Amino acid sequence: MPTRRDFFSRMSDGLMGTALASLFAQNLHANDGLYDLTPKKPHHAPRAKAVIQLFMNGGPSQVDLFDHKPALTKYAGQAPSRDLAAEVRAVRETGGLMPSPYKFARYGQSGIELSEMLPHLAKVADEISVVKSMYTTHLAHEAALFLMHGGRILPTRPSLGAWVTFGLGSENQNLPAYVVLDDPKGPPINFIQNWQAGWLPAVYQGTRVRSEGSPILNLQAKQEYPSGIVDLSRSLLHRMDTAHRDRHPGNAELEARIANYELAARMQMEATDALDIEKESAATKLAYGLNDERTASYGKRCLMARRLVERGVRLVQVYIEQQIWDNHNKIRAGLEYACGKTDRPAAALVRDLKERGLLDSTLVVWGGEFGRLPIAQDPGPNAGRDHGPSGFSIWMAGGGIKGGTTYGATDEIGYRAAENRVSVHDFHATVLHLLGMDHRKLVFEREGRNERITDEFPARVLGEIIS
């Protein structure tokens, strides 16, 4: 006859095992039906419905564009301090403090100070908020990009766009929720890892859309069939997919693949219209610089971004030609090239959104993974600037942002964020807040841990720049 000790020693085979299996099953299927792009309720009333991120990969120089530092003229040529010198990667190429070759002036009623290299942005100065005290923790492009997009310097983390679509879904089920418009001249460093879903379900990964040729490869069938046959075949495929999914419950990768195929079918009509900029007026094309070889490519992508958010796409990232802001030498030529390509289209986007009544609900973000140092690299006529992670600038507009403002400051020479320092995690928390999400509540349970884009790092919302 079994003893009391025998009963408890074998309990895991019976009642306890049944309960444990039930808990495992609940955990496995707890999110069934949630891994899709249907609209989801935010944590609080949102200020923005969509985000357009103009990502300036390479690291724009803050002291030449947004952060005027007269002290650099005063101390020109002087050797850098010890802590500044410690951030230099190529010591033998290092010179002294180097002032900006560009003039600065105040623009708009707000008097925001901008470089002469940004004449078009100057015309919408009262719509933007310049954050001058951003800082990051790594001076290599790869790690800094992982941090800026995913919150850690690790290559496997979900991107901000993936978190946004995971938290909110999409208002348009016939278009991707998260679209990436990269440059035809070449992808950014880390390539698709910049917009990956990481360990979030794959349905939340960014969809890469081309601005030249067919926007989305293999979207249209090679052979046209009557609509009745197309509808019948899609209905049959849907039933087969559903039956296959039911035989493999809890398989997020399978669910994402089925969802993507079904989205592709719906996109065949709507994506073609959304990305057709030929429907825009001549005046709009001119404003974005589509008539100018320098600005045409970037202008086209900015215009496509507006058309996408106009149709309910949640987040659009627009990348620029690989590393054109990475001005280690010949900084004058490099900045003139980069600003010449991007300034006019970026300003046109802000103005266009406002004229269409979309700026209040669309957050526009401009910036790179870090800035540049205030000292010369490769000193001489071809001087440039090395990576500067300790202090750099970004700007934001629309979506609840208080226009015509500046926030934070770097030190006297523009090297280190000194006043109201803003971390990458603060930036992420602010973007999520404007979209109606609390970064502490936006979690994904993974291996028994509640994961967040801000992880366990302290992060605060920049309430000072919110209207």
Protein backbone atom coordinates (compact mmCIF):
# COMPACT_ATOMS: atom_id res chain seq x y z
CA MET A 1 0.00 0.00 0.00
CA PRO A 2 1.55 3.43 -0.96
CA THR A 3 2.75 5.48 1.97
CA ARG A 4 2.27 9.21 2.46
CA ARG A 5 5.93 9.70 1.49
CA ASP A 6 5.40 7.74 -1.75
CA PHE A 7 2.40 9.89 -2.62
CA PHE A 8 4.32 13.17 -2.34
CA SER A 9 7.46 11.80 -3.98
CA ARG A 10 5.42 10.85 -7.09
CA MET A 11 3.18 13.90 -7.02
CA SER A 12 5.03 15.46 -9.98
CA ASP A 13 3.84 12.56 -12.12
CA GLY A 14 0.22 13.32 -11.32
CA LEU A 15 -1.52 16.39 -9.95
CA MET A 16 1.59 18.56 -9.85
CA GLY A 17 2.68 17.47 -13.32
CA THR A 18 -0.77 18.18 -14.69
CA ALA A 19 -0.77 21.65 -13.14
CA LEU A 20 2.75 22.35 -14.42
CA ALA A 21 1.83 21.26 -17.92
CA SER A 22 -1.25 23.47 -17.75
CA LEU A 23 0.88 26.46 -16.74
CA PHE A 24 3.33 25.78 -19.57
CA ALA A 25 0.46 25.57 -22.03
CA GLN A 26 -1.04 28.81 -20.74
CA ASN A 27 2.33 30.53 -21.07
CA LEU A 28 2.87 29.14 -24.56
CA HIS A 29 -0.53 30.24 -25.81
CA ALA A 30 -1.01 33.33 -23.64
CA ASN A 31 -0.43 35.61 -26.60
CA ASP A 32 -2.24 33.58 -29.26
CA GLY A 33 -4.14 35.97 -31.50
CA LEU A 34 -2.15 38.99 -30.36
CA TYR A 35 0.74 38.60 -32.79
CA ASP A 36 -0.86 40.58 -35.56
CA LEU A 37 -1.10 44.16 -36.75
CA THR A 38 -4.66 44.95 -35.73
CA PRO A 39 -4.92 48.29 -33.88
CA LYS A 40 -4.27 48.02 -30.15
CA LYS A 41 -5.28 50.35 -27.35
CA PRO A 42 -2.47 52.65 -26.12
CA HIS A 43 -1.65 53.09 -22.43
CA HIS A 44 -2.75 56.73 -22.47
CA ALA A 45 -4.09 59.30 -24.90
CA PRO A 46 -1.50 59.63 -27.70
CA ARG A 47 -0.22 62.88 -29.16
CA ALA A 48 1.06 61.17 -32.31
CA LYS A 49 -0.35 58.38 -34.44
CA ALA A 50 2.72 57.83 -36.62
CA VAL A 51 6.47 58.45 -36.72
CA ILE A 52 8.76 59.36 -39.61
CA GLN A 53 12.37 58.89 -38.62
CA LEU A 54 14.87 60.63 -40.88
CA PHE A 55 17.91 58.65 -39.85
CA MET A 56 21.21 60.32 -40.68
CA ASN A 57 23.51 57.33 -40.46
CA GLY A 58 27.14 58.23 -40.00
CA GLY A 59 26.99 60.88 -37.28
CA PRO A 60 26.23 64.52 -38.25
CA SER A 61 28.50 67.16 -36.73
CA GLN A 62 26.54 69.09 -34.11
CA VAL A 63 29.07 71.94 -33.85
CA ASP A 64 28.76 72.61 -37.58
CA LEU A 65 24.95 72.40 -37.79
CA PHE A 66 23.05 73.03 -34.55
CA ASP A 67 25.40 73.76 -31.66
CA HIS A 68 27.20 77.07 -32.20
CA LYS A 69 30.39 77.24 -30.11
CA PRO A 70 32.27 80.57 -30.38
CA ALA A 71 34.79 79.21 -27.86
CA LEU A 72 36.18 76.95 -30.58
CA THR A 73 37.37 80.07 -32.40
CA LYS A 74 38.86 81.42 -29.20
CA TYR A 75 40.77 78.19 -28.48
CA ALA A 76 41.43 77.17 -32.10
CA GLY A 77 44.44 74.91 -32.45
CA GLN A 78 44.82 74.20 -28.74
CA ALA A 79 45.46 70.62 -27.71
CA PRO A 80 42.41 68.72 -26.41
CA SER A 81 41.99 67.95 -22.73
CA ARG A 82 42.90 64.53 -21.43
CA ASP A 83 39.33 63.23 -21.28
CA LEU A 84 38.58 64.52 -24.77
CA ALA A 85 41.79 63.00 -26.12
CA ALA A 86 40.76 59.67 -24.57
CA GLU A 87 37.83 59.45 -27.00
CA VAL A 88 40.03 59.81 -30.07
CA ARG A 89 40.48 56.54 -31.90
CA ALA A 90 43.28 57.58 -34.29
CA VAL A 91 45.66 59.50 -32.01
CA ARG A 92 48.28 60.16 -34.68
CA GLU A 93 45.68 61.89 -36.86
CA THR A 94 44.52 64.23 -34.10
CA GLY A 95 44.95 67.99 -34.21
CA GLY A 96 43.77 70.79 -31.96
CA LEU A 97 40.35 72.29 -31.35
CA MET A 98 38.75 73.20 -34.68
CA PRO A 99 36.06 75.90 -35.04
CA SER A 100 33.23 75.50 -37.50
CA PRO A 101 33.85 77.13 -40.87
CA TYR A 102 30.15 78.03 -41.10
CA LYS A 103 28.17 81.03 -39.94
CA PHE A 104 25.25 80.66 -37.53
CA ALA A 105 22.15 82.85 -37.26
CA ARG A 106 18.83 82.89 -35.42
CA TYR A 107 15.66 82.00 -37.32
CA GLY A 108 11.92 82.25 -36.88
CA GLN A 109 10.06 83.96 -34.09
CA SER A 110 11.69 81.54 -31.66
CA GLY A 111 15.22 82.55 -32.67
CA ILE A 112 16.57 79.00 -32.94
CA GLU A 113 20.24 79.15 -33.91
CA LEU A 114 21.15 77.13 -36.99
CA SER A 115 24.07 76.84 -39.38
CA GLU A 116 24.04 78.41 -42.81
CA MET A 117 24.24 74.83 -44.09
CA LEU A 118 20.55 74.36 -43.20
CA PRO A 119 18.78 77.19 -45.07
CA HIS A 120 15.59 75.21 -45.71
CA LEU A 121 15.27 73.90 -42.15
CA ALA A 122 15.68 77.50 -41.02
CA LYS A 123 12.35 78.31 -42.73
CA VAL A 124 10.52 75.85 -40.46
CA ALA A 125 12.51 76.66 -37.32
CA ASP A 126 9.37 77.42 -35.33
CA GLU A 127 8.10 73.87 -35.94
CA ILE A 128 11.12 72.00 -34.57
CA SER A 129 12.65 71.32 -31.18
CA VAL A 130 16.43 70.89 -31.18
CA VAL A 131 17.78 68.62 -28.46
CA LYS A 132 21.44 69.58 -27.99
CA SER A 133 22.35 67.28 -25.12
CA MET A 134 22.02 63.78 -26.55
CA TYR A 135 24.72 61.31 -25.60
CA THR A 136 25.46 57.66 -26.23
CA THR A 137 27.87 55.13 -24.77
CA HIS A 138 29.83 53.74 -27.71
CA LEU A 139 31.92 55.36 -30.42
CA ALA A 140 31.79 52.58 -33.03
CA HIS A 141 29.07 52.77 -35.69
CA GLU A 142 27.89 49.19 -35.29
CA ALA A 143 27.37 49.29 -31.52
CA ALA A 144 26.00 52.84 -31.55
CA LEU A 145 23.44 51.88 -34.22
CA PHE A 146 22.33 48.85 -32.22
CA LEU A 147 21.87 51.11 -29.19
CA MET A 148 20.03 53.85 -31.05
CA HIS A 149 17.64 51.43 -32.73
CA GLY A 150 17.30 48.68 -30.13
CA GLY A 151 18.29 50.12 -26.76
CA ARG A 152 21.40 47.97 -26.22
CA ILE A 153 24.73 47.53 -27.99
CA LEU A 154 23.70 43.95 -28.80
CA PRO A 155 22.83 42.72 -32.31
CA THR A 156 19.74 40.69 -31.40
CA ARG A 157 17.45 43.32 -29.87
CA PRO A 158 14.13 44.37 -31.47
CA SER A 159 14.20 47.80 -33.08
CA LEU A 160 12.14 50.76 -31.92
CA GLY A 161 9.86 50.32 -34.94
CA ALA A 162 9.23 46.70 -34.01
CA TRP A 163 8.32 47.71 -30.45
CA VAL A 164 5.97 50.42 -31.74
CA THR A 165 4.09 48.06 -34.04
CA PHE A 166 4.02 45.36 -31.35
CA GLY A 167 2.45 47.85 -28.96
CA LEU A 168 0.03 49.61 -31.29
CA GLY A 169 -0.49 47.56 -34.43
CA SER A 170 -1.50 49.45 -37.57
CA GLU A 171 -4.44 51.53 -38.73
CA ASN A 172 -4.18 50.08 -42.24
CA GLN A 173 -4.27 46.31 -42.66
CA ASN A 174 -3.45 46.58 -46.37
CA LEU A 175 -0.01 48.10 -45.90
CA PRO A 176 2.97 47.17 -43.71
CA ALA A 177 2.84 48.81 -40.28
CA TYR A 178 6.59 49.51 -40.30
CA VAL A 179 8.26 50.57 -43.56
CA VAL A 180 11.94 51.18 -44.28
CA LEU A 181 13.04 53.37 -47.20
CA ASP A 182 16.77 52.87 -47.56
CA ASP A 183 19.03 54.55 -50.11
CA PRO A 184 19.48 52.96 -53.55
CA LYS A 185 23.20 53.80 -53.32
CA GLY A 186 23.69 51.40 -50.46
CA PRO A 187 22.26 50.21 -47.13
CA PRO A 188 23.41 51.52 -43.75
CA ILE A 189 25.93 49.71 -41.57
CA ASN A 190 24.27 46.71 -39.83
CA PHE A 191 21.82 46.63 -42.78
CA ILE A 192 18.55 44.86 -41.90
CA GLN A 193 19.54 44.56 -38.24
CA ASN A 194 18.61 48.23 -37.96
CA TRP A 195 14.94 47.35 -38.44
CA GLN A 196 14.80 43.78 -37.15
CA ALA A 197 12.13 42.28 -34.91
CA GLY A 198 14.79 40.45 -32.88
CA TRP A 199 13.03 38.01 -30.56
CA LEU A 200 9.67 39.73 -31.01
CA PRO A 201 7.38 37.86 -33.42
CA ALA A 202 8.60 38.32 -36.98
CA VAL A 203 5.40 40.07 -38.06
CA TYR A 204 6.73 43.26 -36.41
CA GLN A 205 9.91 43.51 -38.48
CA GLY A 206 10.32 46.49 -40.81
CA THR A 207 9.38 45.98 -44.46
CA ARG A 208 12.05 47.27 -46.83
CA VAL A 209 10.58 49.27 -49.70
CA ARG A 210 12.64 50.41 -52.68
CA SER A 211 12.37 53.91 -54.12
CA GLU A 212 13.67 52.84 -57.53
CA GLY A 213 12.15 50.15 -59.73
CA SER A 214 9.48 47.93 -58.23
CA PRO A 215 8.98 49.17 -54.64
CA ILE A 216 8.34 45.68 -53.29
CA LEU A 217 9.84 42.74 -55.13
CA ASN A 218 7.61 39.87 -56.27
CA LEU A 219 4.43 41.66 -55.21
CA GLN A 220 2.66 41.38 -58.55
CA ALA A 221 1.96 38.04 -60.25
CA LYS A 222 3.80 37.38 -63.52
CA GLN A 223 0.55 36.24 -65.13
CA GLU A 224 -2.79 38.00 -64.69
CA TYR A 225 -5.89 35.91 -63.91
CA PRO A 226 -9.59 36.84 -63.79
CA SER A 227 -10.61 38.35 -60.45
CA GLY A 228 -12.97 35.45 -59.70
CA ILE A 229 -10.15 32.92 -59.95
CA VAL A 230 -7.87 35.11 -57.84
CA ASP A 231 -10.53 35.44 -55.11
CA LEU A 232 -11.20 31.69 -55.15
CA SER A 233 -7.51 30.80 -54.91
CA ARG A 234 -6.97 33.22 -52.03
CA SER A 235 -9.96 31.81 -50.17
CA LEU A 236 -8.63 28.27 -50.61
CA LEU A 237 -5.13 29.28 -49.48
CA HIS A 238 -6.59 31.00 -46.41
CA ARG A 239 -8.46 27.83 -45.39
CA MET A 240 -5.35 25.71 -45.94
CA ASP A 241 -3.19 28.14 -43.96
CA THR A 242 -5.69 28.19 -41.11
CA ALA A 243 -5.80 24.39 -40.97
CA HIS A 244 -1.98 24.18 -41.01
CA ARG A 245 -1.69 26.82 -38.27
CA ASP A 246 -4.22 24.96 -36.11
CA ARG A 247 -2.05 21.85 -36.34
CA HIS A 248 0.96 23.85 -35.07
CA PRO A 249 -0.43 26.12 -32.32
CA GLY A 250 1.83 28.68 -30.69
CA ASN A 251 4.29 28.84 -33.62
CA ALA A 252 4.91 32.60 -33.90
CA GLU A 253 7.17 32.25 -36.95
CA LEU A 254 4.50 30.32 -38.84
CA GLU A 255 1.81 32.83 -37.85
CA ALA A 256 4.01 35.70 -39.01
CA ARG A 257 4.71 34.03 -42.36
CA ILE A 258 1.02 33.40 -43.01
CA ALA A 259 0.19 36.97 -41.98
CA ASN A 260 2.85 38.33 -44.33
CA TYR A 261 1.55 36.31 -47.29
CA GLU A 262 -1.98 37.53 -46.63
CA LEU A 263 -0.71 41.10 -46.28
CA ALA A 264 1.11 40.78 -49.62
CA ALA A 265 -2.16 39.82 -51.28
CA ARG A 266 -3.92 42.86 -49.84
CA MET A 267 -0.98 45.10 -50.73
CA GLN A 268 -1.19 44.34 -54.43
CA MET A 269 -3.75 47.08 -54.81
CA GLU A 270 -3.06 49.57 -52.03
CA ALA A 271 0.76 49.61 -52.02
CA THR A 272 0.88 50.50 -55.69
CA ASP A 273 -1.29 53.55 -55.04
CA ALA A 274 0.47 54.58 -51.82
CA LEU A 275 3.91 54.65 -53.40
CA ASP A 276 2.92 56.29 -56.69
CA ILE A 277 4.33 59.81 -56.31
CA GLU A 278 3.36 60.63 -59.90
CA LYS A 279 -0.07 61.43 -58.50
CA GLU A 280 1.43 64.37 -56.60
CA SER A 281 1.17 67.92 -57.95
CA ALA A 282 4.05 69.61 -59.73
CA ALA A 283 4.28 72.11 -56.85
CA THR A 284 4.69 69.31 -54.30
CA LYS A 285 7.38 67.58 -56.34
CA LEU A 286 9.22 70.89 -56.67
CA ALA A 287 9.03 71.52 -52.92
CA TYR A 288 10.68 68.16 -52.18
CA GLY A 289 13.42 68.85 -54.75
CA LEU A 290 12.50 66.16 -57.24
CA ASN A 291 13.65 68.50 -60.01
CA ASP A 292 17.20 68.64 -58.63
CA GLU A 293 19.65 65.77 -59.06
CA ARG A 294 21.11 66.41 -55.60
CA THR A 295 17.81 66.15 -53.75
CA ALA A 296 15.67 63.99 -56.03
CA SER A 297 16.43 60.60 -54.47
CA TYR A 298 16.07 61.65 -50.84
CA GLY A 299 13.15 63.92 -51.68
CA LYS A 300 11.32 61.03 -53.29
CA ARG A 301 11.70 58.90 -50.17
CA CYS A 302 10.52 61.73 -47.91
CA LEU A 303 7.47 62.18 -50.13
CA MET A 304 6.80 58.44 -50.08
CA ALA A 305 7.02 58.56 -46.29
CA ARG A 306 4.31 61.23 -46.16
CA ARG A 307 2.06 59.22 -48.48
CA LEU A 308 2.50 56.15 -46.27
CA VAL A 309 1.66 57.79 -42.92
CA GLU A 310 -1.22 59.52 -44.68
CA ARG A 311 -2.63 56.04 -45.28
CA GLY A 312 -2.19 54.74 -41.76
CA VAL A 313 1.35 53.29 -41.73
CA ARG A 314 2.60 53.49 -38.15
CA LEU A 315 6.34 54.08 -38.56
CA VAL A 316 8.53 54.94 -41.55
CA GLN A 317 12.33 55.11 -41.45
CA VAL A 318 14.14 57.00 -44.20
CA TYR A 319 17.85 56.24 -44.47
CA ILE A 320 20.46 58.21 -46.37
CA GLU A 321 23.32 57.07 -48.56
CA GLN A 322 25.69 54.95 -46.51
CA GLN A 323 27.74 57.01 -44.03
CA ILE A 324 27.71 60.37 -45.84
CA TRP A 325 27.78 62.06 -42.43
CA ASP A 326 30.91 60.15 -41.39
CA ASN A 327 33.23 63.07 -42.09
CA HIS A 328 36.64 61.97 -40.83
CA ASN A 329 38.28 64.26 -43.39
CA LYS A 330 37.26 66.90 -45.91
CA ILE A 331 34.41 67.89 -43.64
CA ARG A 332 33.48 70.95 -45.64
CA ALA A 333 32.94 68.96 -48.81
CA GLY A 334 31.24 66.16 -46.87
CA LEU A 335 28.79 68.41 -45.05
CA GLU A 336 27.97 70.38 -48.19
CA TYR A 337 27.17 67.11 -49.95
CA ALA A 338 25.09 65.67 -47.09
CA CYS A 339 23.18 68.86 -46.34
CA GLY A 340 22.69 69.49 -50.04
CA LYS A 341 20.93 66.12 -50.36
CA THR A 342 18.79 66.21 -47.22
CA ASP A 343 18.04 69.75 -46.00
CA ARG A 344 15.46 70.72 -48.61
CA PRO A 345 13.47 67.43 -48.54
CA ALA A 346 13.44 67.24 -44.73
CA ALA A 347 12.11 70.79 -44.41
CA ALA A 348 9.60 70.15 -47.19
CA LEU A 349 8.30 67.12 -45.30
CA VAL A 350 7.64 69.18 -42.16
CA ARG A 351 5.93 71.93 -44.15
CA ASP A 352 3.90 69.47 -46.24
CA LEU A 353 2.66 67.59 -43.18
CA LYS A 354 1.59 70.86 -41.57
CA GLU A 355 -0.24 72.10 -44.66
CA ARG A 356 -2.17 68.81 -44.85
CA GLY A 357 -3.10 68.85 -41.17
CA LEU A 358 -0.90 65.81 -40.47
CA LEU A 359 1.93 67.34 -38.45
CA ASP A 360 -0.03 67.35 -35.18
CA SER A 361 -0.44 63.57 -35.44
CA THR A 362 2.92 62.71 -37.04
CA LEU A 363 6.19 62.82 -35.11
CA VAL A 364 9.22 63.63 -37.29
CA VAL A 365 12.65 62.77 -35.87
CA TRP A 366 16.00 63.76 -37.43
CA GLY A 367 19.38 62.50 -36.18
CA GLY A 368 22.13 59.90 -36.34
CA GLU A 369 23.82 57.44 -34.01
CA PHE A 370 26.21 60.04 -32.55
CA GLY A 371 27.91 63.35 -33.41
CA ARG A 372 31.47 64.50 -34.05
CA LEU A 373 34.32 65.73 -31.87
CA PRO A 374 35.22 69.45 -31.76
CA ILE A 375 38.85 68.71 -32.63
CA ALA A 376 40.48 68.25 -36.03
CA GLN A 377 41.13 64.84 -37.47
CA ASP A 378 43.71 64.69 -40.25
CA PRO A 379 44.62 68.35 -39.54
CA GLY A 380 45.28 70.59 -42.52
CA PRO A 381 43.25 71.59 -45.54
CA ASN A 382 41.48 68.18 -45.56
CA ALA A 383 40.58 68.16 -41.86
CA GLY A 384 37.53 66.34 -40.58
CA ARG A 385 36.11 65.26 -37.24
CA ASP A 386 36.16 61.89 -35.46
CA HIS A 387 33.15 60.20 -33.84
CA GLY A 388 31.68 62.12 -30.89
CA PRO A 389 29.35 60.02 -28.72
CA SER A 390 29.44 62.17 -25.58
CA GLY A 391 27.36 65.05 -26.91
CA PHE A 392 25.33 65.53 -30.10
CA SER A 393 22.12 67.03 -31.45
CA ILE A 394 18.86 65.80 -32.93
CA TRP A 395 15.63 67.58 -33.81
CA MET A 396 12.00 66.57 -33.51
CA ALA A 397 8.82 68.11 -34.89
CA GLY A 398 5.06 67.54 -34.76
CA GLY A 399 3.28 64.79 -32.85
CA GLY A 400 3.01 66.78 -29.63
CA ILE A 401 6.45 68.41 -29.78
CA LYS A 402 6.70 72.05 -28.69
CA GLY A 403 8.04 73.80 -31.79
CA GLY A 404 10.54 76.63 -31.71
CA THR A 405 12.42 75.26 -28.71
CA THR A 406 15.87 74.04 -27.80
CA TYR A 407 16.64 71.69 -24.95
CA GLY A 408 19.86 70.89 -23.13
CA ALA A 409 23.39 72.03 -23.84
CA THR A 410 26.90 70.71 -24.32
CA ASP A 411 29.96 72.17 -22.65
CA GLU A 412 31.81 75.26 -23.86
CA ILE A 413 33.39 73.53 -26.83
CA GLY A 414 30.55 71.17 -27.83
CA TYR A 415 32.24 68.00 -26.66
CA ARG A 416 30.10 66.61 -23.84
CA ALA A 417 26.40 66.89 -22.95
CA ALA A 418 26.44 69.05 -19.83
CA GLU A 419 22.95 70.44 -19.17
CA ASN A 420 19.78 68.32 -19.15
CA ARG A 421 21.57 65.30 -20.52
CA VAL A 422 19.43 63.06 -22.75
CA SER A 423 20.24 59.36 -23.11
CA VAL A 424 19.15 57.10 -25.93
CA HIS A 425 16.72 55.49 -23.47
CA ASP A 426 15.23 58.91 -22.68
CA PHE A 427 14.74 59.39 -26.41
CA HIS A 428 12.99 56.03 -26.76
CA ALA A 429 10.78 56.70 -23.73
CA THR A 430 9.76 60.07 -25.20
CA VAL A 431 8.87 58.68 -28.62
CA LEU A 432 6.78 55.92 -27.03
CA HIS A 433 5.09 58.42 -24.69
CA LEU A 434 4.05 60.61 -27.61
CA LEU A 435 2.54 57.54 -29.26
CA GLY A 436 0.53 56.81 -26.11
CA MET A 437 2.76 54.12 -24.60
CA ASP A 438 4.55 53.88 -21.27
CA HIS A 439 7.98 52.36 -21.84
CA ARG A 440 7.75 50.60 -18.46
CA LYS A 441 4.50 48.88 -19.45
CA LEU A 442 5.44 48.00 -23.02
CA VAL A 443 6.86 44.57 -22.24
CA PHE A 444 7.33 41.22 -23.91
CA GLU A 445 7.71 38.15 -21.74
CA ARG A 446 10.77 36.19 -22.81
CA GLU A 447 12.33 33.32 -20.86
CA GLY A 448 10.58 34.42 -17.69
CA ARG A 449 11.67 38.05 -18.00
CA ASN A 450 9.71 41.14 -18.96
CA GLU A 451 11.78 42.69 -21.75
CA ARG A 452 11.56 46.41 -22.61
CA ILE A 453 13.31 48.59 -25.17
CA THR A 454 14.62 50.65 -22.25
CA ASP A 455 15.53 47.41 -20.44
CA GLU A 456 16.37 48.13 -16.79
CA PHE A 457 18.06 51.44 -17.59
CA PRO A 458 16.61 54.61 -16.05
CA ALA A 459 14.67 56.54 -18.66
CA ARG A 460 12.56 59.67 -18.51
CA VAL A 461 10.14 61.38 -20.85
CA LEU A 462 11.32 64.82 -22.04
CA GLY A 463 8.24 66.65 -20.86
CA GLU A 464 9.96 70.00 -21.36
CA ILE A 465 9.72 69.70 -25.16
CA ILE A 466 6.14 68.41 -25.23
CA SER A 467 3.41 70.96 -25.89
